[in-house]
Each structure stands twice: as structure tokens, then as C-alpha cells.
N, C-alpha and C. Protein backbone atom coordinates (compact mmCIF):
# COMPACT_ATOMS: atom_id res chain seq x y z
N MET A 1 -3.98 -40.60 39.17
CA MET A 1 -2.64 -40.53 38.51
C MET A 1 -2.67 -40.60 36.93
N ILE A 2 -3.61 -41.57 36.65
CA ILE A 2 -3.70 -41.80 35.21
C ILE A 2 -4.49 -40.56 34.66
N ARG A 3 -5.47 -40.27 35.32
CA ARG A 3 -6.55 -39.18 35.24
C ARG A 3 -5.73 -37.87 34.93
N SER A 4 -4.81 -37.49 35.84
CA SER A 4 -4.17 -36.30 35.84
C SER A 4 -3.20 -36.24 34.47
N LYS A 5 -2.55 -37.50 33.95
CA LYS A 5 -1.73 -37.62 32.98
C LYS A 5 -2.63 -37.34 31.69
N GLN A 6 -3.84 -37.87 31.57
CA GLN A 6 -4.85 -37.44 30.58
C GLN A 6 -5.13 -36.35 30.45
N ASN A 7 -5.29 -35.18 31.62
CA ASN A 7 -5.66 -33.91 31.63
C ASN A 7 -4.65 -33.09 31.05
N ILE A 8 -3.41 -33.66 31.63
CA ILE A 8 -2.12 -32.73 30.94
C ILE A 8 -1.96 -32.91 29.56
N ILE A 9 -2.34 -34.29 29.18
CA ILE A 9 -2.07 -34.59 27.68
C ILE A 9 -3.02 -33.63 26.88
N CYS A 10 -4.30 -33.64 27.41
CA CYS A 10 -5.39 -32.71 26.79
C CYS A 10 -5.14 -31.25 26.71
N LEU A 11 -4.40 -30.89 27.72
CA LEU A 11 -3.96 -29.45 27.68
C LEU A 11 -2.64 -28.99 26.60
N LEU A 12 -1.89 -30.24 26.56
CA LEU A 12 -0.57 -30.04 25.80
C LEU A 12 -0.74 -29.96 24.34
N ILE A 13 -2.09 -31.08 23.97
CA ILE A 13 -2.17 -30.97 22.42
C ILE A 13 -2.69 -29.64 22.05
N PRO A 14 -3.66 -28.94 22.52
CA PRO A 14 -3.85 -27.70 21.86
C PRO A 14 -2.80 -26.63 21.90
N LEU A 15 -1.90 -26.59 22.84
CA LEU A 15 -0.91 -25.86 23.02
C LEU A 15 0.10 -26.06 22.04
N PHE A 16 0.31 -27.56 21.48
CA PHE A 16 1.28 -28.06 20.48
C PHE A 16 0.66 -27.41 19.02
N LEU A 17 -0.61 -27.66 18.92
CA LEU A 17 -1.05 -26.97 17.80
C LEU A 17 -1.15 -25.70 17.53
N LEU A 18 -1.26 -24.89 18.57
CA LEU A 18 -1.35 -23.37 18.34
C LEU A 18 0.04 -23.13 17.90
N SER A 19 1.32 -23.67 18.58
CA SER A 19 2.74 -23.55 18.53
C SER A 19 2.91 -23.52 16.78
N CYS A 20 2.00 -24.55 16.26
CA CYS A 20 2.59 -24.76 14.97
C CYS A 20 1.53 -23.85 14.00
N TYR A 21 0.84 -23.06 14.17
CA TYR A 21 -0.04 -21.97 13.56
C TYR A 21 0.90 -20.96 12.98
N SER A 22 0.76 -20.87 11.63
CA SER A 22 1.56 -19.71 10.96
C SER A 22 0.79 -18.48 10.88
N THR A 23 1.48 -17.39 11.21
CA THR A 23 1.03 -16.14 11.19
C THR A 23 0.95 -15.62 9.81
N LYS A 24 1.51 -16.18 9.03
CA LYS A 24 1.68 -15.69 7.47
C LYS A 24 0.36 -15.67 6.75
N ASN A 25 -0.24 -14.67 6.18
CA ASN A 25 -1.73 -14.97 5.79
C ASN A 25 -1.73 -14.83 4.33
N ASN A 26 -0.54 -14.67 3.71
CA ASN A 26 -0.60 -14.49 2.17
C ASN A 26 0.54 -15.38 1.67
N THR A 27 0.38 -15.29 0.42
CA THR A 27 1.33 -15.93 -0.30
C THR A 27 2.30 -15.04 -1.14
N THR A 28 2.29 -13.83 -0.91
CA THR A 28 3.01 -12.82 -1.77
C THR A 28 4.45 -12.67 -0.96
N GLY A 29 4.66 -13.28 0.10
CA GLY A 29 5.88 -12.92 0.77
C GLY A 29 5.99 -11.49 1.28
N TYR A 30 4.95 -10.92 1.66
CA TYR A 30 4.83 -9.63 2.37
C TYR A 30 4.40 -10.02 3.71
N SER A 31 5.03 -9.70 4.88
CA SER A 31 4.66 -9.76 6.17
C SER A 31 3.46 -9.31 6.66
N ASN A 32 2.85 -9.92 7.68
CA ASN A 32 1.74 -9.01 8.20
C ASN A 32 1.95 -7.59 8.66
N VAL A 33 3.07 -7.35 9.37
CA VAL A 33 3.59 -6.01 9.82
C VAL A 33 3.66 -5.12 8.51
N GLN A 34 3.79 -5.58 7.32
CA GLN A 34 3.60 -4.82 6.28
C GLN A 34 2.26 -4.33 5.96
N ASN A 35 1.23 -5.17 6.31
CA ASN A 35 -0.27 -4.86 5.94
C ASN A 35 -0.96 -3.77 6.81
N THR A 36 -0.20 -3.00 7.15
CA THR A 36 -0.88 -1.76 7.95
C THR A 36 -0.24 -0.56 7.22
N LEU A 37 -1.01 0.70 7.56
CA LEU A 37 -0.64 2.03 7.01
C LEU A 37 -0.45 2.87 8.29
N ALA A 38 0.57 3.61 8.31
CA ALA A 38 0.50 4.68 9.22
C ALA A 38 -0.72 5.52 9.22
N PRO A 39 -1.20 6.24 10.27
CA PRO A 39 -2.28 7.21 10.20
C PRO A 39 -1.94 8.10 9.29
N CYS A 40 -2.65 9.01 8.59
CA CYS A 40 -2.32 9.90 7.44
C CYS A 40 -2.18 11.12 8.22
N SER A 41 -1.16 12.01 7.72
CA SER A 41 -0.63 13.20 8.43
C SER A 41 -1.72 14.32 8.21
N GLY A 42 -1.50 15.37 8.71
CA GLY A 42 -2.60 16.62 8.51
C GLY A 42 -2.76 16.96 7.13
N ASP A 43 -1.63 16.70 6.16
CA ASP A 43 -1.83 17.23 4.84
C ASP A 43 -2.48 15.85 3.84
N GLY A 44 -2.66 14.97 4.48
CA GLY A 44 -2.78 13.78 3.70
C GLY A 44 -4.24 13.24 3.94
N CYS A 45 -4.67 12.11 3.18
CA CYS A 45 -5.91 11.53 3.36
C CYS A 45 -5.72 10.05 3.16
N THR A 46 -6.60 9.19 3.47
CA THR A 46 -6.35 7.69 3.23
C THR A 46 -7.60 7.51 2.61
N ILE A 47 -7.54 6.64 1.57
CA ILE A 47 -8.53 5.94 0.64
C ILE A 47 -8.44 4.80 0.32
N LYS A 48 -9.49 4.18 -0.14
CA LYS A 48 -9.73 2.79 -0.77
C LYS A 48 -9.80 3.08 -2.09
N GLY A 49 -9.28 2.45 -3.02
CA GLY A 49 -9.13 2.99 -4.56
C GLY A 49 -9.04 1.57 -5.39
N THR A 50 -9.31 1.62 -6.46
CA THR A 50 -9.15 0.72 -7.54
C THR A 50 -8.16 1.15 -8.72
N VAL A 51 -7.18 0.57 -9.09
CA VAL A 51 -6.58 1.14 -10.49
C VAL A 51 -7.15 0.91 -11.80
N VAL A 52 -7.60 1.84 -12.29
CA VAL A 52 -8.30 1.99 -13.74
C VAL A 52 -7.59 1.87 -14.64
N ARG A 53 -6.31 2.56 -14.69
CA ARG A 53 -5.37 2.53 -15.89
C ARG A 53 -4.06 2.77 -15.44
N ILE A 54 -3.07 2.28 -15.84
CA ILE A 54 -1.39 2.44 -15.65
C ILE A 54 -1.07 3.10 -16.61
N TYR A 55 -0.35 4.43 -16.60
CA TYR A 55 0.18 5.42 -17.57
C TYR A 55 1.69 4.59 -18.00
N SER A 56 1.92 4.34 -19.31
CA SER A 56 3.22 3.82 -19.50
C SER A 56 4.32 4.62 -19.89
N GLU A 57 4.11 6.06 -19.65
CA GLU A 57 5.27 7.01 -19.84
C GLU A 57 6.11 6.87 -18.81
N ARG A 58 7.39 7.36 -19.18
CA ARG A 58 8.44 6.94 -18.02
C ARG A 58 9.09 8.31 -17.85
N ASP A 59 9.75 8.59 -16.85
CA ASP A 59 10.51 9.82 -16.36
C ASP A 59 11.84 10.05 -17.55
N THR A 60 11.93 10.83 -18.34
CA THR A 60 12.92 11.00 -19.15
C THR A 60 14.15 11.74 -18.74
N THR A 61 13.72 12.66 -17.76
CA THR A 61 14.56 13.72 -17.00
C THR A 61 15.72 13.26 -16.46
N ASP A 62 15.48 11.86 -15.65
CA ASP A 62 16.70 11.46 -14.79
C ASP A 62 16.56 9.83 -14.91
N LEU A 63 17.54 9.26 -16.04
CA LEU A 63 17.16 8.00 -16.45
C LEU A 63 17.41 6.92 -15.24
N SER A 64 18.22 7.35 -14.03
CA SER A 64 18.49 6.41 -13.03
C SER A 64 17.30 6.46 -11.93
N SER A 65 16.36 7.20 -12.12
CA SER A 65 15.40 7.35 -11.04
C SER A 65 14.47 5.86 -11.31
N PRO A 66 13.73 5.50 -10.18
CA PRO A 66 12.90 4.41 -10.34
C PRO A 66 11.80 4.60 -11.58
N CYS A 67 11.27 5.75 -11.52
CA CYS A 67 10.23 6.25 -12.51
C CYS A 67 10.84 6.34 -13.96
N ALA A 68 11.85 6.11 -14.15
CA ALA A 68 12.64 5.83 -15.53
C ALA A 68 12.41 4.40 -15.87
N LYS A 69 12.49 3.67 -14.88
CA LYS A 69 12.60 2.04 -14.96
C LYS A 69 11.09 1.40 -14.99
N ALA A 70 10.20 2.12 -14.14
CA ALA A 70 8.80 1.46 -13.90
C ALA A 70 7.84 2.72 -14.09
N PRO A 71 6.53 1.94 -14.30
CA PRO A 71 5.69 3.27 -14.27
C PRO A 71 5.25 3.66 -12.89
N CYS A 72 5.10 5.09 -12.73
CA CYS A 72 4.74 5.73 -11.65
C CYS A 72 3.36 6.49 -11.62
N LYS A 73 2.69 6.67 -12.68
CA LYS A 73 1.35 7.31 -12.71
C LYS A 73 0.25 6.14 -13.12
N ALA A 74 -0.71 6.48 -12.51
CA ALA A 74 -2.08 5.74 -12.85
C ALA A 74 -3.34 6.73 -12.73
N GLU A 75 -4.33 6.21 -13.19
CA GLU A 75 -5.87 6.80 -12.95
C GLU A 75 -6.45 5.57 -11.97
N ILE A 76 -6.95 6.59 -11.12
CA ILE A 76 -7.32 5.38 -9.80
C ILE A 76 -8.92 6.06 -9.51
N SER A 77 -9.74 5.11 -9.38
CA SER A 77 -10.95 5.33 -8.97
C SER A 77 -11.17 5.16 -7.56
N ILE A 78 -11.70 6.40 -6.89
CA ILE A 78 -11.82 6.38 -5.45
C ILE A 78 -12.96 5.74 -5.16
N ASP A 79 -12.94 4.44 -4.31
CA ASP A 79 -14.05 3.91 -3.92
C ASP A 79 -14.59 4.51 -2.42
N GLU A 80 -13.58 4.94 -1.99
CA GLU A 80 -14.09 5.46 -0.40
C GLU A 80 -12.79 6.33 0.19
N VAL A 81 -13.22 7.41 0.82
CA VAL A 81 -12.36 8.24 1.65
C VAL A 81 -12.56 7.73 2.99
N LEU A 82 -11.27 7.40 3.37
CA LEU A 82 -11.45 6.77 5.03
C LEU A 82 -10.99 8.29 6.13
N SER A 83 -10.30 9.08 5.66
CA SER A 83 -9.99 9.94 6.59
C SER A 83 -9.26 11.17 5.70
N ARG A 84 -9.43 12.13 6.23
CA ARG A 84 -8.87 13.40 5.92
C ARG A 84 -7.89 14.27 6.65
N GLY A 85 -6.86 14.75 6.60
CA GLY A 85 -6.18 15.59 7.49
C GLY A 85 -6.49 16.94 7.41
N SER A 86 -6.49 17.67 8.56
CA SER A 86 -6.94 18.96 8.57
C SER A 86 -6.61 19.99 7.54
N ARG A 87 -5.07 19.60 7.04
CA ARG A 87 -4.48 20.39 5.98
C ARG A 87 -4.61 19.94 4.77
N PHE A 88 -5.36 18.64 4.56
CA PHE A 88 -5.48 18.45 3.02
C PHE A 88 -6.21 19.25 2.31
N THR A 89 -5.76 19.81 1.17
CA THR A 89 -6.44 20.57 0.33
C THR A 89 -6.92 20.10 -0.99
N GLY A 90 -6.83 18.77 -0.76
CA GLY A 90 -7.33 18.19 -2.48
C GLY A 90 -8.56 17.97 -2.34
N ASN A 91 -9.09 17.87 -3.68
CA ASN A 91 -10.56 17.52 -3.90
C ASN A 91 -10.76 16.32 -4.23
N ILE A 92 -10.65 15.17 -3.31
CA ILE A 92 -10.85 13.78 -3.50
C ILE A 92 -12.01 13.12 -2.81
N ALA A 93 -13.28 12.80 -3.59
CA ALA A 93 -14.31 12.20 -3.19
C ALA A 93 -14.61 10.73 -3.89
N ALA A 94 -15.53 10.11 -2.98
CA ALA A 94 -15.76 8.52 -3.50
C ALA A 94 -16.51 8.63 -4.94
N GLY A 95 -16.09 7.87 -5.79
CA GLY A 95 -16.78 7.81 -7.27
C GLY A 95 -15.95 8.78 -8.12
N ASN A 96 -14.97 9.55 -7.76
CA ASN A 96 -14.19 10.22 -8.74
C ASN A 96 -12.99 9.46 -9.27
N ASN A 97 -12.47 9.86 -10.41
CA ASN A 97 -11.20 9.21 -10.93
C ASN A 97 -10.38 10.35 -10.81
N VAL A 98 -9.18 9.88 -10.27
CA VAL A 98 -7.91 10.88 -10.24
C VAL A 98 -6.75 10.40 -10.72
N GLU A 99 -5.96 11.28 -11.20
CA GLU A 99 -4.60 10.69 -11.70
C GLU A 99 -3.70 10.82 -10.35
N MET A 100 -2.91 9.69 -10.19
CA MET A 100 -2.02 9.70 -8.84
C MET A 100 -0.55 9.36 -9.47
N SER A 101 0.32 9.73 -8.31
CA SER A 101 1.91 9.37 -8.85
C SER A 101 2.14 8.64 -7.39
N PHE A 102 2.86 7.45 -7.89
CA PHE A 102 3.21 6.58 -6.90
C PHE A 102 4.67 6.56 -6.66
N LEU A 103 5.06 7.06 -5.19
CA LEU A 103 6.54 7.40 -4.79
C LEU A 103 7.45 6.23 -5.32
N TYR A 104 7.00 5.02 -4.85
CA TYR A 104 7.69 3.88 -5.17
C TYR A 104 7.30 2.88 -6.17
N THR A 105 6.71 3.67 -7.29
CA THR A 105 6.21 3.09 -8.44
C THR A 105 5.01 2.12 -8.44
N LEU A 106 4.48 1.55 -9.48
CA LEU A 106 3.46 0.71 -9.36
C LEU A 106 3.93 -0.77 -9.42
N SER A 107 5.45 -0.93 -9.67
CA SER A 107 5.91 -2.17 -9.73
C SER A 107 6.15 -2.52 -8.57
N ALA A 108 6.59 -3.92 -8.17
CA ALA A 108 6.80 -4.31 -6.95
C ALA A 108 8.28 -3.71 -6.69
N THR A 109 8.40 -3.30 -5.34
CA THR A 109 9.51 -2.84 -4.87
C THR A 109 10.98 -3.68 -4.68
N THR A 110 11.51 -4.05 -5.62
CA THR A 110 12.48 -5.12 -5.46
C THR A 110 13.64 -4.50 -5.15
N LYS A 111 14.70 -5.35 -4.79
CA LYS A 111 15.94 -4.84 -4.11
C LYS A 111 16.55 -3.93 -5.38
N GLU A 112 16.59 -4.51 -6.82
CA GLU A 112 17.36 -3.86 -7.51
C GLU A 112 16.60 -2.56 -7.91
N LEU A 113 15.43 -2.36 -7.88
CA LEU A 113 14.75 -1.00 -7.88
C LEU A 113 14.99 -0.08 -6.68
N PHE A 114 14.84 -0.67 -5.35
CA PHE A 114 14.95 0.09 -4.41
C PHE A 114 15.96 -0.70 -3.20
N PRO A 115 17.23 -0.61 -3.54
CA PRO A 115 18.15 -1.29 -2.74
C PRO A 115 18.10 -1.00 -1.10
N ASN A 116 17.81 0.09 -0.63
CA ASN A 116 17.87 0.52 0.73
C ASN A 116 16.37 0.72 1.35
N LEU A 117 15.60 0.27 0.55
CA LEU A 117 14.04 0.35 1.01
C LEU A 117 13.76 -0.59 2.22
N GLU A 118 13.32 -0.52 3.13
CA GLU A 118 13.00 -1.54 4.33
C GLU A 118 11.57 -2.29 3.93
N ARG A 119 10.78 -1.22 3.68
CA ARG A 119 9.30 -1.67 3.48
C ARG A 119 9.04 -1.95 2.04
N ARG A 120 8.63 -3.08 1.77
CA ARG A 120 8.42 -3.77 0.25
C ARG A 120 7.11 -3.61 -0.06
N TYR A 121 6.77 -3.24 -1.50
CA TYR A 121 5.29 -3.22 -1.63
C TYR A 121 5.11 -4.25 -2.91
N PRO A 122 4.19 -5.05 -3.08
CA PRO A 122 3.79 -5.88 -3.95
C PRO A 122 3.72 -5.57 -5.43
N GLY A 123 3.27 -4.16 -5.68
CA GLY A 123 3.01 -3.71 -7.02
C GLY A 123 1.44 -3.86 -7.24
N LEU A 124 1.15 -3.01 -8.29
CA LEU A 124 -0.31 -2.93 -8.57
C LEU A 124 -0.68 -2.98 -10.13
N LYS A 125 -1.51 -3.53 -10.42
CA LYS A 125 -1.90 -3.67 -11.68
C LYS A 125 -3.59 -3.18 -12.08
N THR A 126 -3.63 -3.15 -13.39
CA THR A 126 -4.95 -2.68 -13.44
C THR A 126 -6.25 -3.58 -13.04
N GLY A 127 -7.12 -2.85 -12.34
CA GLY A 127 -7.99 -3.76 -11.25
C GLY A 127 -7.82 -4.18 -10.18
N SER A 128 -6.39 -3.72 -9.64
CA SER A 128 -5.99 -3.89 -8.14
C SER A 128 -7.00 -3.05 -7.26
N ARG A 129 -7.26 -3.46 -5.97
CA ARG A 129 -7.95 -2.72 -5.26
C ARG A 129 -6.99 -2.60 -4.09
N PHE A 130 -6.93 -1.28 -3.43
CA PHE A 130 -5.65 -1.13 -2.26
C PHE A 130 -6.20 -0.01 -1.42
N LYS A 131 -5.64 0.02 -0.31
CA LYS A 131 -5.69 1.29 0.50
C LYS A 131 -4.40 1.96 0.79
N ALA A 132 -4.60 3.18 0.91
CA ALA A 132 -3.48 4.07 0.52
C ALA A 132 -3.51 5.30 1.25
N ASN A 133 -2.29 5.96 1.59
CA ASN A 133 -1.99 7.19 2.31
C ASN A 133 -1.81 8.28 0.96
N VAL A 134 -2.40 9.25 0.72
CA VAL A 134 -2.04 10.16 -0.40
C VAL A 134 -2.04 11.64 0.24
N GLN A 135 -1.06 12.26 -0.30
CA GLN A 135 -0.86 13.42 -0.26
C GLN A 135 -1.11 14.46 -1.39
N CYS A 136 -1.47 15.94 -1.34
CA CYS A 136 -1.65 16.40 -2.20
C CYS A 136 -0.97 17.75 -2.25
N ARG A 137 -0.11 17.90 -3.49
CA ARG A 137 1.07 18.75 -3.67
C ARG A 137 0.56 19.70 -4.91
N ILE A 138 0.44 21.09 -4.60
CA ILE A 138 0.21 22.09 -5.91
C ILE A 138 1.31 22.27 -6.74
N GLN A 139 0.92 21.98 -7.86
CA GLN A 139 2.28 22.15 -8.84
C GLN A 139 2.82 23.64 -9.25
N PRO A 140 3.95 23.79 -8.94
CA PRO A 140 4.48 24.99 -9.24
C PRO A 140 4.19 25.87 -10.54
N GLY A 141 3.64 26.93 -10.17
CA GLY A 141 2.96 27.69 -11.25
C GLY A 141 1.87 27.23 -11.81
N SER A 142 0.89 26.46 -11.08
CA SER A 142 -0.39 25.93 -11.57
C SER A 142 -1.16 25.85 -10.30
N ASP A 143 -2.39 25.92 -10.65
CA ASP A 143 -3.36 25.54 -9.36
C ASP A 143 -3.83 24.09 -9.54
N ASP A 144 -3.15 23.17 -10.58
CA ASP A 144 -3.70 21.83 -10.29
C ASP A 144 -2.94 21.18 -9.35
N PRO A 145 -3.74 20.25 -8.62
CA PRO A 145 -3.30 19.48 -7.54
C PRO A 145 -2.62 18.27 -8.06
N ARG A 146 -1.58 17.80 -7.22
CA ARG A 146 -0.73 16.59 -7.71
C ARG A 146 -1.06 15.57 -6.50
N TYR A 147 -1.59 14.47 -6.80
CA TYR A 147 -1.61 13.26 -5.90
C TYR A 147 -0.55 12.45 -5.67
N ILE A 148 0.02 12.10 -4.46
CA ILE A 148 1.07 11.32 -4.51
C ILE A 148 0.95 10.05 -3.54
N VAL A 149 0.88 9.05 -3.74
CA VAL A 149 0.70 7.88 -2.84
C VAL A 149 2.07 7.41 -2.39
N TYR A 150 2.36 7.54 -1.00
CA TYR A 150 3.35 7.19 -0.25
C TYR A 150 3.46 5.82 0.31
N GLU A 151 2.26 5.45 0.46
CA GLU A 151 2.42 3.88 0.89
C GLU A 151 0.80 3.54 0.67
N TYR A 152 0.85 2.18 0.23
CA TYR A 152 -0.23 1.24 0.27
C TYR A 152 -0.35 -0.35 0.71
N ILE A 153 -1.51 -0.82 0.67
CA ILE A 153 -1.64 -2.11 1.27
C ILE A 153 -2.82 -2.65 0.12
N LEU A 154 -2.62 -3.71 -0.22
CA LEU A 154 -3.75 -4.47 -1.17
C LEU A 154 -4.75 -5.10 -0.27
N LEU A 155 -5.87 -4.79 -0.90
CA LEU A 155 -7.16 -5.47 -0.46
C LEU A 155 -7.64 -6.43 -1.00
């Protein structure tokens, strides 16, 4: 009888300790669920990159836009191209530096900046390493591609 109580206690202690384990793996307030990227679509690619330079220019055409309040463009060093959609028309390769626009700015996506956005991003600064889904859009009246980051995670 005493032996079986000891066995039960020995089984319950690890279960108790596991129940106390936290699944939060960072101190930024961004959950593990947000540390994933959706697979890139046919006209996108997934990269690992490093922010080389953040451009300070702001959108002056629409003063209510997030890009009027926070920087949206940066020079990115492409560390690795992880995947390319079959319809991706951009010329992105490891080792290249590319100007990219960030749909949700390079700042943290606060409630003030994006009140209705469910997914939050921590923001990027010079030297930040990240993984991102990028799409390529051709500028109207130009052959120059425009690269747009729709989502990212910090590395």
C-alpha cells in the first residue's frame, strides 16, 4: 500500500511540474502562434533578411495612413531565399541589398497605429534579422519591381 502511494506521488510530481511550464518563449509579448508565417503564395517568396537601413521618408499624400506616421521603407540585405512561388517575378538573391516596403510599417503594430489588426508585429530596427513573405509588384509606367513585405517574424 505504501509502495503504491509512493509510485503515484512519483508520477504526479512530473505532471504537476509540466502543468506549470509556460509556453511563452519570449519577453516581447508576442505569442508563439504569431511566430509562424503562412506559406508564400504563387507570386511571393520567403526570405531571411537583415535590415541595413531604414528610410526616414514618410507618406505625404495621405496623412492619415500608417506610412505617414511611421517608416515603411528599408534597405534589406537578403541572407537567404527560402522559397519562391511559381509566379514570383522578382530578382531576389542571397547577398543582394533590396529596397522593400513594409505593409504594416517597420514600427511595432500598436493599437493606435492599427486598431483593427489582429496579428501584431514587434517592429524592426537597423540590424534586425527576420524571416518574411515578400511579394513583387511592378510599378505602373515602369519596369522597376516594388517588393512588399506582408508579414514577418524576428529571428
